[in-house]
C-alpha atoms as a PDB file:
ATOM      1  CA  MET A   1     -16.625  44.997 -25.626  1.00  0.00           C
ATOM      2  CA  ASN A   2     -19.420  43.363 -23.661  1.00  0.00           C
ATOM      3  CA  ASP A   3     -18.953  39.741 -24.736  1.00  0.00           C
ATOM      4  CA  SER A   4     -18.091  37.133 -22.153  1.00  0.00           C
ATOM      5  CA  MET A   5     -14.708  35.508 -22.560  1.00  0.00           C
ATOM      6  CA  TRP A   6     -15.650  32.596 -20.321  1.00  0.00           C
ATOM      7  CA  ASN A   7     -15.763  29.582 -22.580  1.00  0.00           C
ATOM      8  CA  LEU A   8     -17.123  27.148 -20.036  1.00  0.00           C
ATOM      9  CA  ASN A   9     -18.867  23.927 -20.822  1.00  0.00           C
ATOM     10  CA  PHE A  10     -18.903  21.811 -17.682  1.00  0.00           C
ATOM     11  CA  ASP A  11     -19.514  18.666 -19.739  1.00  0.00           C
ATOM     12  CA  ASP A  12     -15.965  19.084 -21.123  1.00  0.00           C
ATOM     13  CA  PHE A  13     -14.366  18.234 -17.770  1.00  0.00           C
ATOM     14  CA  GLU A  14     -13.430  14.714 -16.736  1.00  0.00           C
ATOM     15  CA  PRO A  15     -15.300  13.967 -13.547  1.00  0.00           C
ATOM     16  CA  ASN A  16     -13.070  13.046 -10.639  1.00  0.00           C
ATOM     17  CA  THR A  17     -13.980  11.943  -7.184  1.00  0.00           C
ATOM     18  CA  SER A  18     -12.726  14.160  -4.397  1.00  0.00           C
ATOM     19  CA  PRO A  19     -10.201  12.653  -1.993  1.00  0.00           C
ATOM     20  CA  VAL A  20     -12.607  13.269   0.903  1.00  0.00           C
ATOM     21  CA  LYS A  21     -15.399  11.364  -0.828  1.00  0.00           C
ATOM     22  CA  ILE A  22     -13.066   8.431  -1.570  1.00  0.00           C
ATOM     23  CA  VAL A  23     -11.972   8.245   2.091  1.00  0.00           C
ATOM     24  CA  LYS A  24     -15.575   8.566   3.339  1.00  0.00           C
ATOM     25  CA  GLN A  25     -16.607   5.661   1.100  1.00  0.00           C
ATOM     26  CA  GLN A  26     -13.899   3.522   2.693  1.00  0.00           C
ATOM     27  CA  CYS A  27     -15.133   4.598   6.127  1.00  0.00           C
ATOM     28  CA  GLU A  28     -18.602   3.309   5.235  1.00  0.00           C
ATOM     29  CA  TYR A  29     -17.178  -0.012   3.996  1.00  0.00           C
ATOM     30  CA  LEU A  30     -15.242  -0.591   7.231  1.00  0.00           C
ATOM     31  CA  GLU A  31     -18.352   0.099   9.314  1.00  0.00           C
ATOM     32  CA  GLN A  32     -20.284  -2.468   7.258  1.00  0.00           C
ATOM     33  CA  ILE A  33     -17.480  -5.065   7.403  1.00  0.00           C
ATOM     34  CA  THR A  34     -17.127  -4.786  11.187  1.00  0.00           C
ATOM     35  CA  GLU A  35     -20.882  -4.428  11.764  1.00  0.00           C
ATOM     36  CA  GLY A  36     -20.289  -1.046  13.388  1.00  0.00           C
ATOM     37  CA  ARG A  37     -17.713  -2.289  15.900  1.00  0.00           C
ATOM     38  CA  VAL A  38     -14.854  -0.314  14.291  1.00  0.00           C
ATOM     39  CA  LEU A  39     -15.296   3.111  12.762  1.00  0.00           C
ATOM     40  CA  ALA A  40     -13.049   4.959  10.349  1.00  0.00           C
ATOM     41  CA  GLU A  41     -13.736   8.670  10.277  1.00  0.00           C
ATOM     42  CA  VAL A  42     -12.574  11.657   8.291  1.00  0.00           C
ATOM     43  CA  SER A  43     -13.000  15.183   9.531  1.00  0.00           C
ATOM     44  CA  ARG A  44     -11.743  18.634   8.717  1.00  0.00           C
ATOM     45  CA  TYR A  45      -8.718  19.396  10.865  1.00  0.00           C
ATOM     46  CA  THR A  46      -8.481  22.868  12.370  1.00  0.00           C
ATOM     47  CA  ASN A  47      -5.869  22.727  15.149  1.00  0.00           C
ATOM     48  CA  SER A  48      -3.715  25.673  14.083  1.00  0.00           C
ATOM     49  CA  SER A  49      -0.507  24.656  15.890  1.00  0.00           C
ATOM     50  CA  THR A  50      -0.583  21.142  14.446  1.00  0.00           C
ATOM     51  CA  LEU A  51      -1.457  22.509  11.012  1.00  0.00           C
ATOM     52  CA  ALA A  52       1.563  24.825  11.144  1.00  0.00           C
ATOM     53  CA  ASN A  53       3.775  21.792  11.860  1.00  0.00           C
ATOM     54  CA  LEU A  54       2.144  19.804   9.057  1.00  0.00           C
ATOM     55  CA  TYR A  55       2.664  22.598   6.551  1.00  0.00           C
ATOM     56  CA  SER A  56       6.310  22.859   7.643  1.00  0.00           C
ATOM     57  CA  LEU A  57       6.728  19.124   7.009  1.00  0.00           C
ATOM     58  CA  MET A  58       5.105  19.449   3.592  1.00  0.00           C
ATOM     59  CA  ALA A  59       7.255  22.462   2.706  1.00  0.00           C
ATOM     60  CA  ALA A  60      10.394  20.586   3.742  1.00  0.00           C
ATOM     61  CA  SER A  61       9.310  17.678   1.552  1.00  0.00           C
ATOM     62  CA  ALA A  62       8.807  20.046  -1.399  1.00  0.00           C
ATOM     63  CA  ALA A  63      12.230  21.608  -0.790  1.00  0.00           C
ATOM     64  CA  THR A  64      13.824  18.150  -0.767  1.00  0.00           C
ATOM     65  CA  ALA A  65      12.058  17.336  -4.018  1.00  0.00           C
ATOM     66  CA  ALA A  66      13.448  20.515  -5.560  1.00  0.00           C
ATOM     67  CA  LEU A  67      16.983  19.613  -4.474  1.00  0.00           C
ATOM     68  CA  THR A  68      16.714  16.119  -5.922  1.00  0.00           C
ATOM     69  CA  GLY A  69      15.295  17.338  -9.220  1.00  0.00           C
ATOM     70  CA  ALA A  70      11.791  15.979  -8.672  1.00  0.00           C
ATOM     71  CA  LYS A  71       8.948  17.838 -10.315  1.00  0.00           C
ATOM     72  CA  ILE A  72       7.230  20.475  -8.242  1.00  0.00           C
ATOM     73  CA  ARG A  73       3.629  21.231  -9.087  1.00  0.00           C
ATOM     74  CA  LEU A  74       2.025  24.558  -8.485  1.00  0.00           C
ATOM     75  CA  GLY A  75      -0.935  24.175  -6.226  1.00  0.00           C
ATOM     76  CA  SER A  76      -3.766  26.163  -4.793  1.00  0.00           C
ATOM     77  CA  ILE A  77      -3.572  28.445  -1.862  1.00  0.00           C
ATOM     78  CA  GLY A  78      -6.080  27.534   0.786  1.00  0.00           C
ATOM     79  CA  LYS A  79      -5.949  23.783   0.806  1.00  0.00           C
ATOM     80  CA  THR A  80      -8.188  22.141   3.373  1.00  0.00           C
ATOM     81  CA  THR A  81      -6.639  19.617   5.738  1.00  0.00           C
ATOM     82  CA  TYR A  82      -8.426  16.487   6.903  1.00  0.00           C
ATOM     83  CA  GLU A  83      -7.684  13.908   9.553  1.00  0.00           C
ATOM     84  CA  PHE A  84      -8.379  10.218   8.892  1.00  0.00           C
ATOM     85  CA  PHE A  85      -8.568   7.983  11.965  1.00  0.00           C
ATOM     86  CA  LEU A  86      -9.952   4.808  13.526  1.00  0.00           C
ATOM     87  CA  THR A  87     -12.113   4.574  16.627  1.00  0.00           C
ATOM     88  CA  SER A  88     -14.877   2.414  18.080  1.00  0.00           C
ATOM     89  CA  PRO A  89     -18.165   3.024  19.868  1.00  0.00           C
ATOM     90  CA  VAL A  90     -16.699   1.196  22.892  1.00  0.00           C
ATOM     91  CA  THR A  91     -13.645   3.501  22.943  1.00  0.00           C
ATOM     92  CA  PRO A  92     -15.137   6.975  22.444  1.00  0.00           C
ATOM     93  CA  ASN A  93     -12.054   8.746  23.851  1.00  0.00           C
ATOM     94  CA  TYR A  94      -9.587   6.828  21.687  1.00  0.00           C
ATOM     95  CA  LYS A  95      -8.612   7.401  18.107  1.00  0.00           C
ATOM     96  CA  PHE A  96      -5.778   6.032  16.041  1.00  0.00           C
ATOM     97  CA  ARG A  97      -4.715   8.657  13.527  1.00  0.00           C
ATOM     98  CA  ILE A  98      -3.896   7.088  10.178  1.00  0.00           C
ATOM     99  CA  MET A  99      -2.973  10.259   8.318  1.00  0.00           C
ATOM    100  CA  PHE A 100      -3.574  13.876   7.548  1.00  0.00           C
ATOM    101  CA  PHE A 101      -4.288  14.842   3.961  1.00  0.00           C
ATOM    102  CA  SER A 102      -4.919  18.156   2.297  1.00  0.00           C
ATOM    103  CA  SER A 103      -6.221  19.203  -1.076  1.00  0.00           C
ATOM    104  CA  ALA A 104      -7.794  22.123  -2.822  1.00  0.00           C
ATOM    105  CA  VAL A 105     -11.439  21.994  -3.832  1.00  0.00           C
ATOM    106  CA  GLY A 106     -11.967  19.644  -6.759  1.00  0.00           C
ATOM    107  CA  GLN A 107      -8.269  19.284  -7.493  1.00  0.00           C
ATOM    108  CA  TYR A 108      -5.533  16.763  -7.232  1.00  0.00           C
ATOM    109  CA  ASN A 109      -2.494  17.156  -5.865  1.00  0.00           C
ATOM    110  CA  VAL A 110      -3.203  15.641  -2.468  1.00  0.00           C
ATOM    111  CA  ASP A 111      -0.547  16.109   0.192  1.00  0.00           C
ATOM    112  CA  MET A 112      -0.404  13.326   2.772  1.00  0.00           C
ATOM    113  CA  VAL A 113       1.290  12.949   6.146  1.00  0.00           C
ATOM    114  CA  LEU A 114       1.288   9.400   7.492  1.00  0.00           C
ATOM    115  CA  ALA A 115       1.767   7.958  10.945  1.00  0.00           C
ATOM    116  CA  ASP A 116       5.357   6.686  11.242  1.00  0.00           C
ATOM    117  CA  ASP A 117       4.400   3.000  11.602  1.00  0.00           C
ATOM    118  CA  ILE A 118       2.219   3.122   8.503  1.00  0.00           C
ATOM    119  CA  ALA A 119       4.884   4.855   6.403  1.00  0.00           C
ATOM    120  CA  THR A 120       7.331   2.135   7.414  1.00  0.00           C
ATOM    121  CA  ASP A 121       4.822  -0.659   6.671  1.00  0.00           C
ATOM    122  CA  ILE A 122       4.130   0.551   3.128  1.00  0.00           C
ATOM    123  CA  HIS A 123       7.715   1.654   2.379  1.00  0.00           C
ATOM    124  CA  GLU A 124       6.676   5.251   1.751  1.00  0.00           C
ATOM    125  CA  ASN A 125       7.977   8.591   2.954  1.00  0.00           C
ATOM    126  CA  LYS A 126       6.057  10.004   5.894  1.00  0.00           C
ATOM    127  CA  VAL A 127       5.153  13.027   3.729  1.00  0.00           C
ATOM    128  CA  PHE A 128       4.267  12.579   0.068  1.00  0.00           C
ATOM    129  CA  SER A 129       1.860  13.775  -2.616  1.00  0.00           C
ATOM    130  CA  CYS A 130      -0.518  12.133  -5.055  1.00  0.00           C
ATOM    131  CA  ALA A 131      -0.965  13.942  -8.366  1.00  0.00           C
ATOM    132  CA  SER A 132      -4.093  12.119  -9.545  1.00  0.00           C
ATOM    133  CA  GLU A 133      -7.130  10.205  -8.381  1.00  0.00           C
ATOM    134  CA  ASP A 134      -5.482   6.932  -9.432  1.00  0.00           C
ATOM    135  CA  GLU A 135      -2.344   7.701  -7.420  1.00  0.00           C
ATOM    136  CA  PHE A 136      -4.476   8.643  -4.420  1.00  0.00           C
ATOM    137  CA  THR A 137      -6.647   5.507  -4.514  1.00  0.00           C
ATOM    138  CA  ASP A 138      -3.536   3.331  -4.888  1.00  0.00           C
ATOM    139  CA  ALA A 139      -1.857   5.026  -1.910  1.00  0.00           C
ATOM    140  CA  LEU A 140      -5.036   4.835   0.185  1.00  0.00           C
ATOM    141  CA  SER A 141      -5.371   1.114  -0.551  1.00  0.00           C
ATOM    142  CA  ARG A 142      -1.797   0.492   0.568  1.00  0.00           C
ATOM    143  CA  ILE A 143      -2.345   2.609   3.696  1.00  0.00           C
ATOM    144  CA  ILE A 144      -5.580   1.002   4.882  1.00  0.00           C
ATOM    145  CA  ASN A 145      -4.153  -2.460   4.202  1.00  0.00           C
ATOM    146  CA  SER A 146      -0.907  -1.781   6.045  1.00  0.00           C
ATOM    147  CA  LYS A 147       0.026  -4.128   8.852  1.00  0.00           C
ATOM    148  CA  LYS A 148      -0.377  -1.377  11.482  1.00  0.00           C
ATOM    149  CA  VAL A 149      -3.884  -0.331  10.367  1.00  0.00           C
ATOM    150  CA  ARG A 150      -5.073  -3.952  10.173  1.00  0.00           C
ATOM    151  CA  GLN A 151      -3.613  -4.576  13.640  1.00  0.00           C
ATOM    152  CA  VAL A 152      -5.492  -1.618  15.149  1.00  0.00           C
ATOM    153  CA  ILE A 153      -8.741  -2.645  13.434  1.00  0.00           C
ATOM    154  CA  LYS A 154      -8.368  -6.191  14.764  1.00  0.00           C
ATOM    155  CA  SER A 155      -7.767  -4.942  18.312  1.00  0.00           C
ATOM    156  CA  LEU A 156     -10.706  -2.519  18.244  1.00  0.00           C
ATOM    157  CA  ASN A 157     -12.955  -5.188  16.752  1.00  0.00           C
ATOM    158  CA  GLU A 158     -12.028  -7.697  19.460  1.00  0.00           C
ATOM    159  CA  MET A 159     -12.584  -5.115  22.217  1.00  0.00           C
ATOM    160  CA  ALA A 160     -16.018  -4.290  20.830  1.00  0.00           C
ATOM    161  CA  LYS A 161     -16.949  -7.995  20.597  1.00  0.00           C
ATOM    162  CA  GLN A 162     -15.891  -8.559  24.216  1.00  0.00           C
ATOM    163  CA  ASP A 163     -17.794  -5.481  25.348  1.00  0.00           C
ATOM    164  CA  ALA A 164     -20.938  -6.814  23.646  1.00  0.00           C
ATOM    165  CA  VAL A 165     -20.874 -10.090  25.589  1.00  0.00           C
ATOM    166  CA  MET A 166     -20.007  -8.599  28.998  1.00  0.00           C
ATOM    167  CA  PRO A 167     -22.961  -8.150  31.351  1.00  0.00           C
ATOM    168  CA  SER A 168     -23.901  -4.563  32.116  1.00  0.00           C
END
């Protein structure tokens, strides 16, 4: 038998936007809104000791879900973890970490770990998952509009405005 069993037609698949692309789009919007005074950035996170702690948190969350009868979804091995944070050109050594998120290439379930203040603001667990693009965009909207994130953006924006008017 020499016939291919791969029945692939890429037009059959619903297009979805990757979580990274969605976050990067929001980063671009914030830069435009603040005229470059406040920057939101997303980058691949590679600190192995922090990643080990994050994966422990996510595993504990999955174990809790199993105990409470929540659905557990099988995922991909080799998820990539990203860090989403705020900074400003006038504060190059400062960043406010909004969250970590991890996903497999082209797939949803997105695992998220939020900063404590943000989780409290949006009444969400610190560690949670989004099973679809819609769930992810809804969660991201709540996160970036949380009181804590808006407060940090306001402070960074004001610092950058003051820096612009101060004589060199």
